[in-house]
PDB file of N, CA and C in Angstrom:
ATOM      1  N   UNK A   1     171.813 130.551  66.029  1.00  0.00           N
ATOM      2  CA  UNK A   1     170.698 131.439  65.736  1.00  0.00           C
ATOM      3  C   UNK A   1     169.949 130.929  64.500  1.00  0.00           C
ATOM      4  N   UNK A   2     168.675 131.161  64.504  1.00  0.00           N
ATOM      5  CA  UNK A   2     167.822 130.784  63.391  1.00  0.00           C
ATOM      6  C   UNK A   2     167.373 132.037  62.677  1.00  0.00           C
ATOM      7  N   UNK A   3     167.338 131.986  61.359  1.00  0.00           N
ATOM      8  CA  UNK A   3     166.850 133.099  60.566  1.00  0.00           C
ATOM      9  C   UNK A   3     165.467 132.748  60.056  1.00  0.00           C
ATOM     10  N   UNK A   4     164.532 133.670  60.246  1.00  0.00           N
ATOM     11  CA  UNK A   4     163.166 133.476  59.788  1.00  0.00           C
ATOM     12  C   UNK A   4     162.852 134.455  58.679  1.00  0.00           C
ATOM     13  N   UNK A   5     162.012 134.018  57.776  1.00  0.00           N
ATOM     14  CA  UNK A   5     161.514 134.903  56.732  1.00  0.00           C
ATOM     15  C   UNK A   5     160.003 134.881  56.823  1.00  0.00           C
ATOM     16  N   UNK A   6     159.409 136.061  56.932  1.00  0.00           N
ATOM     17  CA  UNK A   6     157.957 136.141  57.013  1.00  0.00           C
ATOM     18  C   UNK A   6     157.444 137.019  55.885  1.00  0.00           C
ATOM     19  N   UNK A   7     156.216 136.799  55.514  1.00  0.00           N
ATOM     20  CA  UNK A   7     155.585 137.584  54.464  1.00  0.00           C
ATOM     21  C   UNK A   7     154.481 138.412  55.098  1.00  0.00           C
ATOM     22  N   UNK A   8     154.565 139.723  54.917  1.00  0.00           N
ATOM     23  CA  UNK A   8     153.576 140.650  55.450  1.00  0.00           C
ATOM     24  C   UNK A   8     153.092 141.563  54.333  1.00  0.00           C
ATOM     25  N   UNK A   9     151.896 142.081  54.478  1.00  0.00           N
ATOM     26  CA  UNK A   9     151.470 143.105  53.529  1.00  0.00           C
ATOM     27  C   UNK A   9     152.444 144.293  53.602  1.00  0.00           C
ATOM     28  N   UNK A  10     152.707 144.909  52.461  1.00  0.00           N
ATOM     29  CA  UNK A  10     153.698 145.988  52.400  1.00  0.00           C
ATOM     30  C   UNK A  10     153.409 147.095  53.408  1.00  0.00           C
ATOM     31  N   UNK A  11     152.166 147.532  53.494  1.00  0.00           N
ATOM     32  CA  UNK A  11     151.825 148.633  54.387  1.00  0.00           C
ATOM     33  C   UNK A  11     152.101 148.268  55.842  1.00  0.00           C
ATOM     34  N   UNK A  12     151.717 147.066  56.230  1.00  0.00           N
ATOM     35  CA  UNK A  12     151.952 146.615  57.604  1.00  0.00           C
ATOM     36  C   UNK A  12     153.442 146.515  57.884  1.00  0.00           C
ATOM     37  N   UNK A  13     154.200 145.955  56.963  1.00  0.00           N
ATOM     38  CA  UNK A  13     155.648 145.821  57.142  1.00  0.00           C
ATOM     39  C   UNK A  13     156.301 147.193  57.302  1.00  0.00           C
ATOM     40  N   UNK A  14     155.878 148.153  56.504  1.00  0.00           N
ATOM     41  CA  UNK A  14     156.437 149.499  56.574  1.00  0.00           C
ATOM     42  C   UNK A  14     156.109 150.145  57.923  1.00  0.00           C
ATOM     43  N   UNK A  15     154.855 150.034  58.341  1.00  0.00           N
ATOM     44  CA  UNK A  15     154.454 150.609  59.635  1.00  0.00           C
ATOM     45  C   UNK A  15     155.213 149.945  60.783  1.00  0.00           C
ATOM     46  N   UNK A  16     155.321 148.633  60.741  1.00  0.00           N
ATOM     47  CA  UNK A  16     156.023 147.918  61.793  1.00  0.00           C
ATOM     48  C   UNK A  16     157.502 148.297  61.822  1.00  0.00           C
ATOM     49  N   UNK A  17     158.098 148.436  60.654  1.00  0.00           N
ATOM     50  CA  UNK A  17     159.507 148.822  60.570  1.00  0.00           C
ATOM     51  C   UNK A  17     159.707 150.221  61.143  1.00  0.00           C
ATOM     52  N   UNK A  18     158.837 151.162  60.756  1.00  0.00           N
ATOM     53  CA  UNK A  18     158.939 152.533  61.269  1.00  0.00           C
ATOM     54  C   UNK A  18     158.755 152.593  62.780  1.00  0.00           C
ATOM     55  N   UNK A  19     157.930 151.711  63.313  1.00  0.00           N
ATOM     56  CA  UNK A  19     157.683 151.687  64.753  1.00  0.00           C
ATOM     57  C   UNK A  19     158.769 150.911  65.510  1.00  0.00           C
ATOM     58  N   UNK A  20     159.707 150.352  64.793  1.00  0.00           N
ATOM     59  CA  UNK A  20     160.794 149.614  65.423  1.00  0.00           C
ATOM     60  C   UNK A  20     160.402 148.228  65.888  1.00  0.00           C
ATOM     61  N   UNK A  21     159.309 147.714  65.352  1.00  0.00           N
ATOM     62  CA  UNK A  21     158.817 146.420  65.807  1.00  0.00           C
ATOM     63  C   UNK A  21     159.474 145.230  65.121  1.00  0.00           C
ATOM     64  N   UNK A  22     160.225 145.463  64.082  1.00  0.00           N
ATOM     65  CA  UNK A  22     160.820 144.345  63.346  1.00  0.00           C
ATOM     66  C   UNK A  22     162.280 144.092  63.702  1.00  0.00           C
ATOM     67  N   UNK A  23     162.778 144.746  64.730  1.00  0.00           N
ATOM     68  CA  UNK A  23     164.161 144.474  65.139  1.00  0.00           C
ATOM     69  C   UNK A  23     164.210 143.107  65.817  1.00  0.00           C
ATOM     70  N   UNK A  24     165.346 142.479  65.753  1.00  0.00           N
ATOM     71  CA  UNK A  24     165.512 141.156  66.358  1.00  0.00           C
ATOM     72  C   UNK A  24     165.190 141.195  67.850  1.00  0.00           C
ATOM     73  N   UNK A  25     165.644 142.245  68.517  1.00  0.00           N
ATOM     74  CA  UNK A  25     165.422 142.358  69.954  1.00  0.00           C
ATOM     75  C   UNK A  25     163.929 142.487  70.274  1.00  0.00           C
ATOM     76  N   UNK A  26     163.217 143.331  69.530  1.00  0.00           N
ATOM     77  CA  UNK A  26     161.776 143.512  69.777  1.00  0.00           C
ATOM     78  C   UNK A  26     160.999 142.244  69.472  1.00  0.00           C
ATOM     79  N   UNK A  27     161.342 141.576  68.370  1.00  0.00           N
ATOM     80  CA  UNK A  27     160.652 140.330  68.019  1.00  0.00           C
ATOM     81  C   UNK A  27     160.920 139.240  69.050  1.00  0.00           C
ATOM     82  N   UNK A  28     162.172 139.158  69.512  1.00  0.00           N
ATOM     83  CA  UNK A  28     162.495 138.166  70.531  1.00  0.00           C
ATOM     84  C   UNK A  28     161.704 138.429  71.810  1.00  0.00           C
ATOM     85  N   UNK A  29     161.668 139.676  72.239  1.00  0.00           N
ATOM     86  CA  UNK A  29     160.921 140.036  73.450  1.00  0.00           C
ATOM     87  C   UNK A  29     159.443 139.699  73.280  1.00  0.00           C
ATOM     88  N   UNK A  30     158.868 140.058  72.144  1.00  0.00           N
ATOM     89  CA  UNK A  30     157.447 139.798  71.887  1.00  0.00           C
ATOM     90  C   UNK A  30     157.155 138.300  71.884  1.00  0.00           C
ATOM     91  N   UNK A  31     158.014 137.517  71.223  1.00  0.00           N
ATOM     92  CA  UNK A  31     157.809 136.069  71.168  1.00  0.00           C
ATOM     93  C   UNK A  31     157.901 135.445  72.559  1.00  0.00           C
ATOM     94  N   UNK A  32     158.863 135.886  73.355  1.00  0.00           N
ATOM     95  CA  UNK A  32     158.981 135.365  74.721  1.00  0.00           C
ATOM     96  C   UNK A  32     157.733 135.699  75.545  1.00  0.00           C
ATOM     97  N   UNK A  33     157.224 136.930  75.400  1.00  0.00           N
ATOM     98  CA  UNK A  33     156.002 137.321  76.109  1.00  0.00           C
ATOM     99  C   UNK A  33     154.812 136.471  75.665  1.00  0.00           C
ATOM    100  N   UNK A  34     154.714 136.218  74.377  1.00  0.00           N
ATOM    101  CA  UNK A  34     153.615 135.406  73.857  1.00  0.00           C
ATOM    102  C   UNK A  34     153.707 133.969  74.347  1.00  0.00           C
ATOM    103  N   UNK A  35     154.916 133.424  74.386  1.00  0.00           N
ATOM    104  CA  UNK A  35     155.099 132.063  74.885  1.00  0.00           C
ATOM    105  C   UNK A  35     154.731 131.973  76.363  1.00  0.00           C
ATOM    106  N   UNK A  36     155.134 132.974  77.154  1.00  0.00           N
ATOM    107  CA  UNK A  36     154.795 132.997  78.576  1.00  0.00           C
ATOM    108  C   UNK A  36     153.284 133.088  78.757  1.00  0.00           C
ATOM    109  N   UNK A  37     152.649 133.939  77.970  1.00  0.00           N
ATOM    110  CA  UNK A  37     151.200 134.088  78.046  1.00  0.00           C
ATOM    111  C   UNK A  37     150.503 132.781  77.677  1.00  0.00           C
ATOM    112  N   UNK A  38     151.001 132.107  76.671  1.00  0.00           N
ATOM    113  CA  UNK A  38     150.422 130.828  76.243  1.00  0.00           C
ATOM    114  C   UNK A  38     150.573 129.782  77.340  1.00  0.00           C
ATOM    115  N   UNK A  39     151.748 129.747  77.989  1.00  0.00           N
ATOM    116  CA  UNK A  39     151.950 128.781  79.077  1.00  0.00           C
ATOM    117  C   UNK A  39     150.975 129.048  80.224  1.00  0.00           C
ATOM    118  N   UNK A  40     150.776 130.310  80.540  1.00  0.00           N
ATOM    119  CA  UNK A  40     149.845 130.668  81.614  1.00  0.00           C
ATOM    120  C   UNK A  40     148.434 130.250  81.234  1.00  0.00           C
ATOM    121  N   UNK A  41     148.034 130.524  79.991  1.00  0.00           N
ATOM    122  CA  UNK A  41     146.706 130.115  79.527  1.00  0.00           C
ATOM    123  C   UNK A  41     146.538 128.597  79.616  1.00  0.00           C
ATOM    124  N   UNK A  42     147.578 127.858  79.220  1.00  0.00           N
ATOM    125  CA  UNK A  42     147.516 126.401  79.282  1.00  0.00           C
ATOM    126  C   UNK A  42     147.416 125.922  80.728  1.00  0.00           C
ATOM    127  N   UNK A  43     148.140 126.584  81.636  1.00  0.00           N
ATOM    128  CA  UNK A  43     148.077 126.217  83.048  1.00  0.00           C
ATOM    129  C   UNK A  43     146.668 126.417  83.595  1.00  0.00           C
ATOM    130  N   UNK A  44     146.070 127.577  83.316  1.00  0.00           N
ATOM    131  CA  UNK A  44     144.724 127.830  83.800  1.00  0.00           C
ATOM    132  C   UNK A  44     143.715 126.886  83.154  1.00  0.00           C
ATOM    133  N   UNK A  45     143.938 126.536  81.900  1.00  0.00           N
ATOM    134  CA  UNK A  45     143.075 125.561  81.243  1.00  0.00           C
ATOM    135  C   UNK A  45     143.156 124.214  81.934  1.00  0.00           C
ATOM    136  N   UNK A  46     144.364 123.805  82.305  1.00  0.00           N
ATOM    137  CA  UNK A  46     144.538 122.532  83.006  1.00  0.00           C
ATOM    138  C   UNK A  46     143.862 122.582  84.372  1.00  0.00           C
ATOM    139  N   UNK A  47     143.990 123.708  85.057  1.00  0.00           N
ATOM    140  CA  UNK A  47     143.344 123.853  86.362  1.00  0.00           C
ATOM    141  C   UNK A  47     141.833 123.743  86.215  1.00  0.00           C
ATOM    142  N   UNK A  48     141.276 124.396  85.202  1.00  0.00           N
ATOM    143  CA  UNK A  48     139.832 124.316  84.972  1.00  0.00           C
ATOM    144  C   UNK A  48     139.391 122.890  84.677  1.00  0.00           C
ATOM    145  N   UNK A  49     140.181 122.164  83.876  1.00  0.00           N
ATOM    146  CA  UNK A  49     139.836 120.779  83.580  1.00  0.00           C
ATOM    147  C   UNK A  49     139.903 119.919  84.841  1.00  0.00           C
ATOM    148  N   UNK A  50     140.895 120.174  85.682  1.00  0.00           N
ATOM    149  CA  UNK A  50     141.017 119.411  86.918  1.00  0.00           C
ATOM    150  C   UNK A  50     139.849 119.701  87.855  1.00  0.00           C
ATOM    151  N   UNK A  51     139.425 120.961  87.914  1.00  0.00           N
ATOM    152  CA  UNK A  51     138.305 121.314  88.776  1.00  0.00           C
ATOM    153  C   UNK A  51     137.003 120.700  88.281  1.00  0.00           C
ATOM    154  N   UNK A  52     136.907 120.431  86.986  1.00  0.00           N
ATOM    155  CA  UNK A  52     135.685 119.887  86.407  1.00  0.00           C
ATOM    156  C   UNK A  52     135.537 118.383  86.655  1.00  0.00           C
ATOM    157  N   UNK A  53     136.621 117.734  87.063  1.00  0.00           N
ATOM    158  CA  UNK A  53     136.571 116.296  87.318  1.00  0.00           C
ATOM    159  C   UNK A  53     135.797 116.053  88.605  1.00  0.00           C
ATOM    160  N   UNK A  54     134.826 115.166  88.522  1.00  0.00           N
ATOM    161  CA  UNK A  54     134.036 114.827  89.702  1.00  0.00           C
ATOM    162  C   UNK A  54     134.715 113.693  90.454  1.00  0.00           C
ATOM    163  N   UNK A  55     135.418 114.061  91.487  1.00  0.00           N
ATOM    164  CA  UNK A  55     136.065 113.067  92.333  1.00  0.00           C
ATOM    165  C   UNK A  55     135.267 112.936  93.621  1.00  0.00           C
ATOM    166  N   UNK A  56     135.250 111.745  94.147  1.00  0.00           N
ATOM    167  CA  UNK A  56     134.582 111.620  95.446  1.00  0.00           C
ATOM    168  C   UNK A  56     135.353 112.419  96.490  1.00  0.00           C
ATOM    169  N   UNK A  57     134.643 112.933  97.457  1.00  0.00           N
ATOM    170  CA  UNK A  57     135.313 113.698  98.498  1.00  0.00           C
ATOM    171  C   UNK A  57     136.201 112.765  99.307  1.00  0.00           C
ATOM    172  N   UNK A  58     137.201 113.325  99.928  1.00  0.00           N
ATOM    173  CA  UNK A  58     138.117 112.534 100.735  1.00  0.00           C
ATOM    174  C   UNK A  58     137.362 111.930 101.919  1.00  0.00           C
ATOM    175  N   UNK A  59     137.726 110.716 102.240  1.00  0.00           N
ATOM    176  CA  UNK A  59     137.072 110.033 103.360  1.00  0.00           C
ATOM    177  C   UNK A  59     137.681 110.507 104.674  1.00  0.00           C
ATOM    178  N   UNK A  60     136.841 110.618 105.663  1.00  0.00           N
ATOM    179  CA  UNK A  60     137.337 110.954 107.000  1.00  0.00           C
ATOM    180  C   UNK A  60     137.981 109.707 107.597  1.00  0.00           C
ATOM    181  N   UNK A  61     138.706 109.890 108.671  1.00  0.00           N
ATOM    182  CA  UNK A  61     139.338 108.754 109.346  1.00  0.00           C
ATOM    183  C   UNK A  61     138.283 107.760 109.822  1.00  0.00           C
ATOM    184  N   UNK A  62     137.162 108.281 110.277  1.00  0.00           N
ATOM    185  CA  UNK A  62     136.087 107.405 110.746  1.00  0.00           C
ATOM    186  C   UNK A  62     135.505 106.585 109.606  1.00  0.00           C
ATOM    187  N   UNK A  63     135.321 107.225 108.451  1.00  0.00           N
ATOM    188  CA  UNK A  63     134.784 106.508 107.284  1.00  0.00           C
ATOM    189  C   UNK A  63     135.748 105.419 106.826  1.00  0.00           C
ATOM    190  N   UNK A  64     137.061 105.737 106.832  1.00  0.00           N
ATOM    191  CA  UNK A  64     138.047 104.726 106.443  1.00  0.00           C
ATOM    192  C   UNK A  64     138.025 103.554 107.413  1.00  0.00           C
ATOM    193  N   UNK A  65     137.953 103.861 108.705  1.00  0.00           N
ATOM    194  CA  UNK A  65     137.914 102.788 109.708  1.00  0.00           C
ATOM    195  C   UNK A  65     136.683 101.917 109.500  1.00  0.00           C
ATOM    196  N   UNK A  66     135.545 102.521 109.199  1.00  0.00           N
ATOM    197  CA  UNK A  66     134.313 101.761 108.965  1.00  0.00           C
ATOM    198  C   UNK A  66     134.457 100.873 107.734  1.00  0.00           C
ATOM    199  N   UNK A  67     135.075 101.389 106.668  1.00  0.00           N
ATOM    200  CA  UNK A  67     135.281 100.592 105.453  1.00  0.00           C
ATOM    201  C   UNK A  67     136.210  99.415 105.728  1.00  0.00           C
ATOM    202  N   UNK A  68     137.266  99.660 106.483  1.00  0.00           N
ATOM    203  CA  UNK A  68     138.202  98.585 106.808  1.00  0.00           C
ATOM    204  C   UNK A  68     137.500  97.506 107.637  1.00  0.00           C
ATOM    205  N   UNK A  69     136.732  97.952 108.597  1.00  0.00           N
ATOM    206  CA  UNK A  69     135.997  96.990 109.432  1.00  0.00           C
ATOM    207  C   UNK A  69     134.999  96.194 108.601  1.00  0.00           C
ATOM    208  N   UNK A  70     134.320  96.842 107.665  1.00  0.00           N
ATOM    209  CA  UNK A  70     133.369  96.139 106.802  1.00  0.00           C
ATOM    210  C   UNK A  70     134.093  95.117 105.935  1.00  0.00           C
ATOM    211  N   UNK A  71     135.269  95.470 105.430  1.00  0.00           N
ATOM    212  CA  UNK A  71     136.046  94.542 104.614  1.00  0.00           C
ATOM    213  C   UNK A  71     136.488  93.342 105.453  1.00  0.00           C
ATOM    214  N   UNK A  72     136.955  93.605 106.660  1.00  0.00           N
ATOM    215  CA  UNK A  72     137.391  92.508 107.538  1.00  0.00           C
ATOM    216  C   UNK A  72     136.217  91.585 107.882  1.00  0.00           C
ATOM    217  N   UNK A  73     135.069  92.183 108.157  1.00  0.00           N
ATOM    218  CA  UNK A  73     133.881  91.395 108.473  1.00  0.00           C
ATOM    219  C   UNK A  73     133.502  90.514 107.289  1.00  0.00           C
ATOM    220  N   UNK A  74     133.576  91.079 106.096  1.00  0.00           N
ATOM    221  CA  UNK A  74     133.247  90.311 104.877  1.00  0.00           C
ATOM    222  C   UNK A  74     134.239  89.174 104.693  1.00  0.00           C
ATOM    223  N   UNK A  75     135.531  89.423 104.910  1.00  0.00           N
ATOM    224  CA  UNK A  75     136.541  88.373 104.767  1.00  0.00           C
ATOM    225  C   UNK A  75     136.298  87.248 105.774  1.00  0.00           C
ATOM    226  N   UNK A  76     135.988  87.623 107.003  1.00  0.00           N
ATOM    227  CA  UNK A  76     135.739  86.618 108.044  1.00  0.00           C
ATOM    228  C   UNK A  76     134.526  85.755 107.668  1.00  0.00           C
ATOM    229  N   UNK A  77     133.526  86.373 107.092  1.00  0.00           N
ATOM    230  CA  UNK A  77     132.307  85.639 106.714  1.00  0.00           C
ATOM    231  C   UNK A  77     132.576  84.671 105.578  1.00  0.00           C
ATOM    232  N   UNK A  78     133.549  84.987 104.734  1.00  0.00           N
ATOM    233  CA  UNK A  78     133.866  84.138 103.577  1.00  0.00           C
ATOM    234  C   UNK A  78     134.855  83.033 103.905  1.00  0.00           C
ATOM    235  N   UNK A  79     135.442  83.014 105.087  1.00  0.00           N
ATOM    236  CA  UNK A  79     136.412  81.965 105.403  1.00  0.00           C
ATOM    237  C   UNK A  79     135.852  80.863 106.233  1.00  0.00           C
TER     238      UNK A  79
END
């Protein structure tokens, strides 16, 4: 276990203590929720970045066949 020491304004610390927010269990639960929320935010950020990438659309089978044929024709012309 790790022990943390934090500095809070007296009034806030008192209110948080009275509300039961400074117990180890409550802090652990809150930190886990915050970490999960951060991971979700990072995931959606990554998805947005991926969607922003301009990739060429996938080629159809016919387009691939045409490209292969063009490459073969070019190779034959060069030999």
